[in-house]
Amino acid sequence: MIALAIIGALVVMAVPIGKSVKRKSGQSSCLSVLRGLGVALEGYLIDHQGRYPVIAMGRSTKGGNQDVIEVALLDYAGSKTAFRCPADHKHFDKSGSSYFWNETQSGLRYSQLGFMGIDKDSIPLIYDKEAFHGEKNGTNFLYADQSVNQKVDFNVDSK
């Protein structure tokens, strides 16, 4: 009986830890996907004289003919699955991407970037369509300086 009680206690402690590890693993995989999209975006910038694509924030279905991130960067990303967050179980299948584009930066050069007084390196360009990785810090971002993070890091420009 004592052995069963000890095993039961260990199981009760292991389940939340296992869930946390699984969530963090999914978040890490998503950050990896965003790094890949950052590389694809850099390739796009090289081919387009340093200008970001002029694209919409996203689309609700794959059937739409809008210019969106998964269309503009497909040749640079290598495959359609490059736009899928491993923790996304609905948006990718429906729209073709787990990510939104910050359309306020469409068509701009890096030197022209601006967003609500935020330092241009801290401007989010690509981000999760939903908090796939939990409620607190559950959204991942690719910033203009090509860094990726799950923490909101909007440094205000002090100029």
C-alpha atoms as a PDB file:
ATOM      1  CA  MET A   1       0.000   0.000   0.000  1.00  0.00           C
ATOM      2  CA  ILE A   2       2.812   2.409   0.835  1.00  0.00           C
ATOM      3  CA  ALA A   3       4.459   1.704  -2.501  1.00  0.00           C
ATOM      4  CA  LEU A   4       1.185   2.449  -4.338  1.00  0.00           C
ATOM      5  CA  ALA A   5       0.788   5.702  -2.389  1.00  0.00           C
ATOM      6  CA  ILE A   6       4.329   6.760  -3.329  1.00  0.00           C
ATOM      7  CA  ILE A   7       3.739   5.884  -6.989  1.00  0.00           C
ATOM      8  CA  GLY A   8       0.448   7.796  -6.920  1.00  0.00           C
ATOM      9  CA  ALA A   9       2.147  10.859  -5.442  1.00  0.00           C
ATOM     10  CA  LEU A  10       4.876  10.711  -8.086  1.00  0.00           C
ATOM     11  CA  VAL A  11       2.285  10.506 -10.869  1.00  0.00           C
ATOM     12  CA  VAL A  12       0.399  13.487  -9.446  1.00  0.00           C
ATOM     13  CA  MET A  13       3.626  15.519  -9.461  1.00  0.00           C
ATOM     14  CA  ALA A  14       4.802  14.277 -12.870  1.00  0.00           C
ATOM     15  CA  VAL A  15       1.671  15.143 -14.869  1.00  0.00           C
ATOM     16  CA  PRO A  16       1.934  18.961 -14.502  1.00  0.00           C
ATOM     17  CA  ILE A  17       5.673  18.819 -15.091  1.00  0.00           C
ATOM     18  CA  GLY A  18       5.113  16.757 -18.238  1.00  0.00           C
ATOM     19  CA  LYS A  19       2.522  19.228 -19.519  1.00  0.00           C
ATOM     20  CA  SER A  20       4.872  22.136 -18.869  1.00  0.00           C
ATOM     21  CA  VAL A  21       7.736  20.400 -20.671  1.00  0.00           C
ATOM     22  CA  LYS A  22       5.482  19.618 -23.645  1.00  0.00           C
ATOM     23  CA  ARG A  23       4.252  23.236 -23.819  1.00  0.00           C
ATOM     24  CA  LYS A  24       7.795  24.634 -23.631  1.00  0.00           C
ATOM     25  CA  SER A  25       8.939  22.182 -26.297  1.00  0.00           C
ATOM     26  CA  GLY A  26       6.144  23.340 -28.614  1.00  0.00           C
ATOM     27  CA  GLN A  27       7.019  26.954 -27.932  1.00  0.00           C
ATOM     28  CA  SER A  28      10.673  26.282 -28.708  1.00  0.00           C
ATOM     29  CA  SER A  29       9.714  24.558 -31.964  1.00  0.00           C
ATOM     30  CA  CYS A  30       7.580  27.546 -32.904  1.00  0.00           C
ATOM     31  CA  LEU A  31      10.483  29.917 -32.216  1.00  0.00           C
ATOM     32  CA  SER A  32      12.535  27.767 -34.579  1.00  0.00           C
ATOM     33  CA  VAL A  33       9.861  28.126 -37.268  1.00  0.00           C
ATOM     34  CA  LEU A  34       9.902  31.901 -36.778  1.00  0.00           C
ATOM     35  CA  ARG A  35      13.709  31.932 -37.130  1.00  0.00           C
ATOM     36  CA  GLY A  36      13.262  30.127 -40.447  1.00  0.00           C
ATOM     37  CA  LEU A  37      10.708  32.715 -41.548  1.00  0.00           C
ATOM     38  CA  GLY A  38      13.220  35.411 -40.574  1.00  0.00           C
ATOM     39  CA  VAL A  39      15.772  33.804 -42.905  1.00  0.00           C
ATOM     40  CA  ALA A  40      13.127  33.644 -45.648  1.00  0.00           C
ATOM     41  CA  LEU A  41      12.313  37.306 -45.068  1.00  0.00           C
ATOM     42  CA  GLU A  42      16.005  38.231 -45.362  1.00  0.00           C
ATOM     43  CA  GLY A  43      16.149  36.397 -48.707  1.00  0.00           C
ATOM     44  CA  TYR A  44      13.103  38.334 -49.850  1.00  0.00           C
ATOM     45  CA  LEU A  45      14.707  41.630 -48.787  1.00  0.00           C
ATOM     46  CA  ILE A  46      17.867  40.844 -50.755  1.00  0.00           C
ATOM     47  CA  ASP A  47      15.858  40.167 -53.912  1.00  0.00           C
ATOM     48  CA  HIS A  48      13.627  43.240 -53.483  1.00  0.00           C
ATOM     49  CA  GLN A  49      16.157  46.024 -52.843  1.00  0.00           C
ATOM     50  CA  GLY A  50      15.670  45.906 -49.073  1.00  0.00           C
ATOM     51  CA  ARG A  51      11.916  46.483 -49.161  1.00  0.00           C
ATOM     52  CA  TYR A  52       9.529  44.451 -47.034  1.00  0.00           C
ATOM     53  CA  PRO A  53       6.689  42.768 -48.914  1.00  0.00           C
ATOM     54  CA  VAL A  54       3.418  44.632 -49.408  1.00  0.00           C
ATOM     55  CA  ILE A  55       1.074  42.064 -47.927  1.00  0.00           C
ATOM     56  CA  ALA A  56      -2.053  41.833 -45.804  1.00  0.00           C
ATOM     57  CA  MET A  57      -1.969  40.835 -42.154  1.00  0.00           C
ATOM     58  CA  GLY A  58      -3.420  37.413 -42.949  1.00  0.00           C
ATOM     59  CA  ARG A  59      -6.347  35.629 -44.511  1.00  0.00           C
ATOM     60  CA  SER A  60      -9.177  33.609 -43.058  1.00  0.00           C
ATOM     61  CA  THR A  61      -9.151  30.815 -45.662  1.00  0.00           C
ATOM     62  CA  LYS A  62      -6.712  29.379 -48.175  1.00  0.00           C
ATOM     63  CA  GLY A  63      -9.126  30.247 -50.955  1.00  0.00           C
ATOM     64  CA  GLY A  64      -8.531  33.977 -50.721  1.00  0.00           C
ATOM     65  CA  ASN A  65      -6.320  35.581 -53.351  1.00  0.00           C
ATOM     66  CA  GLN A  66      -4.755  38.123 -50.972  1.00  0.00           C
ATOM     67  CA  ASP A  67      -1.032  38.674 -50.881  1.00  0.00           C
ATOM     68  CA  VAL A  68      -0.091  37.326 -47.457  1.00  0.00           C
ATOM     69  CA  ILE A  69       3.081  36.095 -45.807  1.00  0.00           C
ATOM     70  CA  GLU A  70       2.639  32.458 -46.834  1.00  0.00           C
ATOM     71  CA  VAL A  71       2.313  33.552 -50.476  1.00  0.00           C
ATOM     72  CA  ALA A  72       5.027  36.252 -50.557  1.00  0.00           C
ATOM     73  CA  LEU A  73       7.671  34.181 -48.748  1.00  0.00           C
ATOM     74  CA  LEU A  74       6.844  30.686 -50.047  1.00  0.00           C
ATOM     75  CA  ASP A  75       9.739  30.574 -52.531  1.00  0.00           C
ATOM     76  CA  TYR A  76      12.137  31.656 -49.772  1.00  0.00           C
ATOM     77  CA  ALA A  77      10.741  29.411 -47.029  1.00  0.00           C
ATOM     78  CA  GLY A  78      10.935  26.236 -49.100  1.00  0.00           C
ATOM     79  CA  SER A  79       7.561  24.671 -48.341  1.00  0.00           C
ATOM     80  CA  LYS A  80       4.060  25.473 -47.164  1.00  0.00           C
ATOM     81  CA  THR A  81       4.709  23.724 -43.852  1.00  0.00           C
ATOM     82  CA  ALA A  82       7.303  26.407 -43.022  1.00  0.00           C
ATOM     83  CA  PHE A  83       4.321  28.564 -41.989  1.00  0.00           C
ATOM     84  CA  ARG A  84       2.968  26.103 -39.420  1.00  0.00           C
ATOM     85  CA  CYS A  85       3.490  26.451 -35.683  1.00  0.00           C
ATOM     86  CA  PRO A  86       3.617  22.905 -34.228  1.00  0.00           C
ATOM     87  CA  ALA A  87       1.120  23.953 -31.527  1.00  0.00           C
ATOM     88  CA  ASP A  88      -1.416  25.308 -34.054  1.00  0.00           C
ATOM     89  CA  HIS A  89      -4.213  22.839 -34.663  1.00  0.00           C
ATOM     90  CA  LYS A  90      -6.667  25.018 -36.584  1.00  0.00           C
ATOM     91  CA  HIS A  91      -5.326  28.184 -38.262  1.00  0.00           C
ATOM     92  CA  PHE A  92      -2.764  26.533 -40.556  1.00  0.00           C
ATOM     93  CA  ASP A  93      -5.248  23.978 -41.889  1.00  0.00           C
ATOM     94  CA  LYS A  94      -7.844  26.678 -42.499  1.00  0.00           C
ATOM     95  CA  SER A  95      -5.737  29.593 -43.791  1.00  0.00           C
ATOM     96  CA  GLY A  96      -2.315  28.194 -44.707  1.00  0.00           C
ATOM     97  CA  SER A  97      -0.400  29.967 -41.928  1.00  0.00           C
ATOM     98  CA  SER A  98      -0.126  30.056 -38.151  1.00  0.00           C
ATOM     99  CA  TYR A  99       1.264  33.590 -38.293  1.00  0.00           C
ATOM    100  CA  PHE A 100       0.210  37.165 -38.895  1.00  0.00           C
ATOM    101  CA  TRP A 101       2.261  39.873 -40.624  1.00  0.00           C
ATOM    102  CA  ASN A 102       2.501  43.393 -39.166  1.00  0.00           C
ATOM    103  CA  GLU A 103       1.016  45.076 -42.222  1.00  0.00           C
ATOM    104  CA  THR A 104       1.924  48.556 -40.946  1.00  0.00           C
ATOM    105  CA  GLN A 105       5.468  47.761 -42.133  1.00  0.00           C
ATOM    106  CA  SER A 106       4.479  46.595 -45.633  1.00  0.00           C
ATOM    107  CA  GLY A 107       6.551  48.072 -48.441  1.00  0.00           C
ATOM    108  CA  LEU A 108       8.981  49.870 -46.123  1.00  0.00           C
ATOM    109  CA  ARG A 109      12.755  49.608 -46.011  1.00  0.00           C
ATOM    110  CA  TYR A 110      14.383  48.724 -42.704  1.00  0.00           C
ATOM    111  CA  SER A 111      15.520  52.325 -42.271  1.00  0.00           C
ATOM    112  CA  GLN A 112      11.899  53.492 -42.631  1.00  0.00           C
ATOM    113  CA  LEU A 113      10.350  51.143 -40.087  1.00  0.00           C
ATOM    114  CA  GLY A 114       8.222  52.779 -37.442  1.00  0.00           C
ATOM    115  CA  PHE A 115       5.448  51.663 -35.134  1.00  0.00           C
ATOM    116  CA  MET A 116       3.980  53.683 -32.239  1.00  0.00           C
ATOM    117  CA  GLY A 117       7.365  55.157 -31.240  1.00  0.00           C
ATOM    118  CA  ILE A 118       8.944  51.734 -30.762  1.00  0.00           C
ATOM    119  CA  ASP A 119      12.668  51.340 -31.476  1.00  0.00           C
ATOM    120  CA  LYS A 120      12.805  49.863 -34.994  1.00  0.00           C
ATOM    121  CA  ASP A 121      14.721  46.753 -33.863  1.00  0.00           C
ATOM    122  CA  SER A 122      11.852  45.995 -31.458  1.00  0.00           C
ATOM    123  CA  ILE A 123       9.080  46.182 -34.053  1.00  0.00           C
ATOM    124  CA  PRO A 124       7.302  42.825 -34.345  1.00  0.00           C
ATOM    125  CA  LEU A 125       7.032  41.718 -37.975  1.00  0.00           C
ATOM    126  CA  ILE A 126       5.616  38.191 -37.729  1.00  0.00           C
ATOM    127  CA  TYR A 127       3.709  36.740 -34.784  1.00  0.00           C
ATOM    128  CA  ASP A 128       1.434  33.867 -33.755  1.00  0.00           C
ATOM    129  CA  LYS A 129      -2.218  34.146 -34.775  1.00  0.00           C
ATOM    130  CA  GLU A 130      -3.207  33.098 -31.277  1.00  0.00           C
ATOM    131  CA  ALA A 131      -1.597  32.352 -27.906  1.00  0.00           C
ATOM    132  CA  PHE A 132      -0.753  28.770 -28.882  1.00  0.00           C
ATOM    133  CA  HIS A 133       1.694  28.373 -25.996  1.00  0.00           C
ATOM    134  CA  GLY A 134      -0.406  29.270 -22.975  1.00  0.00           C
ATOM    135  CA  GLU A 135      -2.012  32.459 -21.762  1.00  0.00           C
ATOM    136  CA  LYS A 136       0.959  34.271 -20.226  1.00  0.00           C
ATOM    137  CA  ASN A 137       3.644  34.952 -22.855  1.00  0.00           C
ATOM    138  CA  GLY A 138       1.844  32.527 -25.126  1.00  0.00           C
ATOM    139  CA  THR A 139       2.519  34.407 -28.357  1.00  0.00           C
ATOM    140  CA  ASN A 140       5.843  34.271 -30.189  1.00  0.00           C
ATOM    141  CA  PHE A 141       7.249  37.203 -32.174  1.00  0.00           C
ATOM    142  CA  LEU A 142       9.849  37.707 -34.907  1.00  0.00           C
ATOM    143  CA  TYR A 143      11.233  41.228 -34.507  1.00  0.00           C
ATOM    144  CA  ALA A 144      12.755  43.498 -37.154  1.00  0.00           C
ATOM    145  CA  ASP A 145      16.268  42.775 -35.869  1.00  0.00           C
ATOM    146  CA  GLN A 146      15.569  39.072 -36.673  1.00  0.00           C
ATOM    147  CA  SER A 147      15.416  38.087 -33.003  1.00  0.00           C
ATOM    148  CA  VAL A 148      12.616  35.816 -31.840  1.00  0.00           C
ATOM    149  CA  ASN A 149      11.042  35.831 -28.433  1.00  0.00           C
ATOM    150  CA  GLN A 150       7.897  34.879 -26.593  1.00  0.00           C
ATOM    151  CA  LYS A 151       8.163  37.915 -24.352  1.00  0.00           C
ATOM    152  CA  VAL A 152       6.725  41.196 -25.493  1.00  0.00           C
ATOM    153  CA  ASP A 153       9.726  43.488 -25.894  1.00  0.00           C
ATOM    154  CA  PHE A 154       8.581  46.813 -27.323  1.00  0.00           C
ATOM    155  CA  ASN A 155      11.441  49.173 -26.472  1.00  0.00           C
ATOM    156  CA  VAL A 156      10.431  52.780 -26.997  1.00  0.00           C
ATOM    157  CA  ASP A 157      12.776  54.894 -29.101  1.00  0.00           C
ATOM    158  CA  SER A 158      14.170  57.697 -26.937  1.00  0.00           C
ATOM    159  CA  LYS A 159      14.744  60.193 -29.780  1.00  0.00           C
END
